[in-house]
Amino acid sequence: MFSISDILWKKIKIIIPTKKTLRGRPEINAKQAFNAIFYVLKTGIQWKALPRELGAASTIHGKFMKWARMGIFESIFKLIKDFYLSCNKENIWYAIDANHTKAPLSNFSGKSPVDRGKRGIKKTILVDRRGAPLAIAVGAGNVHDSKFFDEIFTKIPQHGNTRILTADSAYDCEKFKKLCSRNNIAFIPSTNRRRNKEKRITYPAHRWVVERTLGWFSWYRSLKICWSKTKISYESLLSFAAAIQLFRMI
C-alpha cells in the first residue's frame, strides 16, 4: 500500500490545520487522509474508486479540496524546499523547462499545438544540478513556454553571488538575457536558429537534468494525464509530488 514515510510526516504535520472544537463530526486522522491523497496521486485512480480502508472517498476528496484552497500543499512544498536549500547552499546551477500534459476535462486547459489541438495543460519547473524540483508553474497548453518564465524567475534561490540558468531554445531571447543580467544570473539557453540562422548553435551542458525530473513526475499517474477540473487541484497534486521528490533527495 502506498503511504508517505513517517520521517516526512513528522516534518509536515506541524503545518496541518486541526479542528479546534469538539462540535460536529470527528475529523478523519490527518495522516490517514494524506496517505489516501498520496495513493490517488501515485496510482491515478478516480477519487470515488479509493479503497474503503483508506477512508470514505467523499471525505478524503473534501479534505483534499479544503487543504488545496488553504494552500497547504504549497506550504508543504515550501517547507521541504527551504530545508533542502539549507543543506545545499553551494549550488548555483539551475535549469528551466516545460512539458505538455493531456487535460480532457480541465477548465484551465487550452488547445495544445503539439497534440493535434487536443485540450492540454503545460507545467513548467525549475531544477538544480541534481534535478531537485525547486519551483513549478501551471497553465494552459497553448501558452508559450516563455510566458511562465517571469513567474519561475522570481523563485530562483538567492544563494551565492553568481548563478547559472540554462534553458532550451524556446527561452532564447534578449528580454530574458537582459533580465538575468540585471540580477547577476548567467543565462545560457540553447540557440534558437529560427531567429537567426547564421547564429552559432550552443547547447548548454547538463540542461537535460530537467528532462529527467519531468520524467520522474510522469510516474505519478495523477500528473501524467490531468483529470483535475480546476487549476488549484492539479497545482496542489503537483506541489505534493514535488515535495515528496525533494524530500527523497535530502
Foldseek 3Di string as FASTA:
>chain_A
DAFADPVLCVQQVVLDDADDDPPDDHADDPRLLRRQLLVCQQPVDDLCPRDPVSHHSVRSVVSLVVCLVVCSLVVLLVSLLVVLCVVVLPFFEKEKDKDKAAEQQAPFAFQAPVPNGHTIKMKMFMATLQLQTQDIDIGYRPDQPCVCVVVVVVRDDPRDQAHEYEYEQSNPDPVVCVVCVVSRYHYHYFHDCVVPVPDDTDDDPSNCSNVVNVVVSVSRVCQRHPHDHYPSSNVSSVSNSSSSSSNVVD
